[in-house]
Amino acid sequence: MTLLAWLESGGAPEAARTLKVHPQTVRYRLRQIEKLFGPAMREPRTRFELELALRSRRLLAQARQLRSRAHGPVRALGAAAAPLSPAGRARVNGL
C-alpha cells in the first residue's frame, strides 16, 4: 500500500496524505522496501513494473469485493441459487 501510494503520488508527503500517516512513516517504510529491492528501486523500468503489478493487484481485489457483494444475497439462498453446471448452461442456452 505504501509503495503504491508513493509510486502514484511521487513523494512522501503526498503518499502520507493518501495513507493518512506522517510523512516520516512513509519514508521509514520506503527505506525498508529499498532494503528489499536494493538499487533497483531507482530504475524507472522497475518502478513502472512494480506500479503495474500493484495496481493490478488492487483492481483484482476490488473486482473480488464487488463480486462478493453482488453474490452475497444469492449465497444466502443455498443450493437453489447455485451456479449452473456446464450441462445446465447448455440446456438453458438451447444447446
Protein backbone atom coordinates (compact mmCIF):
# COMPACT_ATOMS: atom_id res chain seq x y z
CA MET A 1 0.00 0.00 0.00
CA THR A 2 2.76 2.43 0.92
CA LEU A 3 4.79 1.64 -2.17
CA LEU A 4 1.82 2.08 -4.48
CA ALA A 5 0.82 5.37 -2.83
CA TRP A 6 4.38 6.63 -3.20
CA LEU A 7 4.66 5.49 -6.83
CA GLU A 8 1.34 7.08 -7.74
CA SER A 9 1.94 10.33 -5.92
CA GLY A 10 5.64 10.83 -6.48
CA GLY A 11 6.62 11.83 -2.98
CA ALA A 12 6.44 11.03 0.70
CA PRO A 13 4.24 14.00 1.74
CA GLU A 14 1.64 13.21 -0.92
CA ALA A 15 1.71 9.48 -0.13
CA ALA A 16 1.37 10.30 3.57
CA ARG A 17 -1.79 12.33 2.89
CA THR A 18 -3.22 9.45 0.85
CA LEU A 19 -2.43 6.92 3.59
CA LYS A 20 -3.31 9.30 6.43
CA VAL A 21 0.06 8.78 8.14
CA HIS A 22 3.02 11.04 8.92
CA PRO A 23 5.45 11.65 6.02
CA GLN A 24 8.27 10.25 8.15
CA THR A 25 6.32 6.99 8.43
CA VAL A 26 6.23 6.78 4.64
CA ARG A 27 9.97 7.49 4.45
CA TYR A 28 10.70 4.78 7.02
CA ARG A 29 8.60 2.24 5.14
CA LEU A 30 10.27 3.17 1.86
CA ARG A 31 13.71 2.64 3.42
CA GLN A 32 12.57 -0.82 4.48
CA ILE A 33 11.29 -1.52 0.96
CA GLU A 34 14.56 -0.26 -0.53
CA LYS A 35 16.44 -2.74 1.65
CA LEU A 36 14.43 -5.50 -0.02
CA PHE A 37 14.69 -4.27 -3.60
CA GLY A 38 18.08 -2.56 -3.40
CA PRO A 39 19.17 -0.09 -6.05
CA ALA A 40 16.59 -1.45 -8.50
CA MET A 41 14.06 0.90 -6.88
CA ARG A 42 15.86 3.79 -8.59
CA GLU A 43 15.38 2.31 -12.06
CA PRO A 44 12.36 3.67 -13.95
CA ARG A 45 11.55 0.30 -15.52
CA THR A 46 11.50 -1.46 -12.14
CA ARG A 47 9.31 1.27 -10.67
CA PHE A 48 6.93 1.01 -13.62
CA GLU A 49 6.73 -2.79 -13.29
CA LEU A 50 6.10 -2.55 -9.55
CA GLU A 51 3.39 0.05 -10.05
CA LEU A 52 1.77 -2.05 -12.75
CA ALA A 53 1.78 -5.15 -10.54
CA LEU A 54 0.44 -3.28 -7.51
CA ARG A 55 -2.31 -1.55 -9.48
CA SER A 56 -3.32 -4.89 -10.99
CA ARG A 57 -3.49 -6.43 -7.55
CA ARG A 58 -5.64 -3.56 -6.30
CA LEU A 59 -8.02 -3.87 -9.27
CA LEU A 60 -8.36 -7.63 -8.77
CA ALA A 61 -9.14 -7.11 -5.09
CA GLN A 62 -11.79 -4.52 -5.98
CA ALA A 63 -13.33 -6.88 -8.54
CA ARG A 64 -13.47 -9.71 -5.99
CA GLN A 65 -15.08 -7.38 -3.48
CA LEU A 66 -17.71 -6.27 -5.97
CA ARG A 67 -18.45 -9.88 -6.94
CA SER A 68 -18.83 -10.90 -3.32
CA ARG A 69 -21.23 -8.02 -2.71
CA ALA A 70 -23.24 -8.88 -5.82
CA HIS A 71 -23.46 -12.55 -4.91
CA GLY A 72 -23.89 -12.10 -1.16
CA PRO A 73 -27.71 -12.45 -1.04
CA VAL A 74 -27.64 -15.28 -3.59
CA ARG A 75 -25.33 -17.36 -1.42
CA ALA A 76 -27.73 -17.00 1.47
CA LEU A 77 -30.40 -18.81 -0.55
CA GLY A 78 -28.35 -22.01 -0.59
CA ALA A 79 -28.32 -24.75 -3.23
CA ALA A 80 -31.28 -23.33 -5.14
CA ALA A 81 -29.12 -20.43 -6.21
CA ALA A 82 -26.02 -22.48 -7.05
CA PRO A 83 -24.39 -21.72 -10.41
CA LEU A 84 -25.35 -23.96 -13.28
CA SER A 85 -23.11 -26.82 -14.31
CA PRO A 86 -21.80 -26.83 -17.90
CA ALA A 87 -24.59 -29.25 -18.85
CA GLY A 88 -27.17 -26.99 -17.19
CA ARG A 89 -25.83 -23.95 -19.04
CA ALA A 90 -26.05 -25.87 -22.32
CA ARG A 91 -29.73 -26.67 -21.64
CA VAL A 92 -30.51 -23.04 -20.79
CA ASN A 93 -28.73 -21.85 -23.91
CA GLY A 94 -30.60 -24.38 -26.03
CA LEU A 95 -27.54 -26.43 -26.96
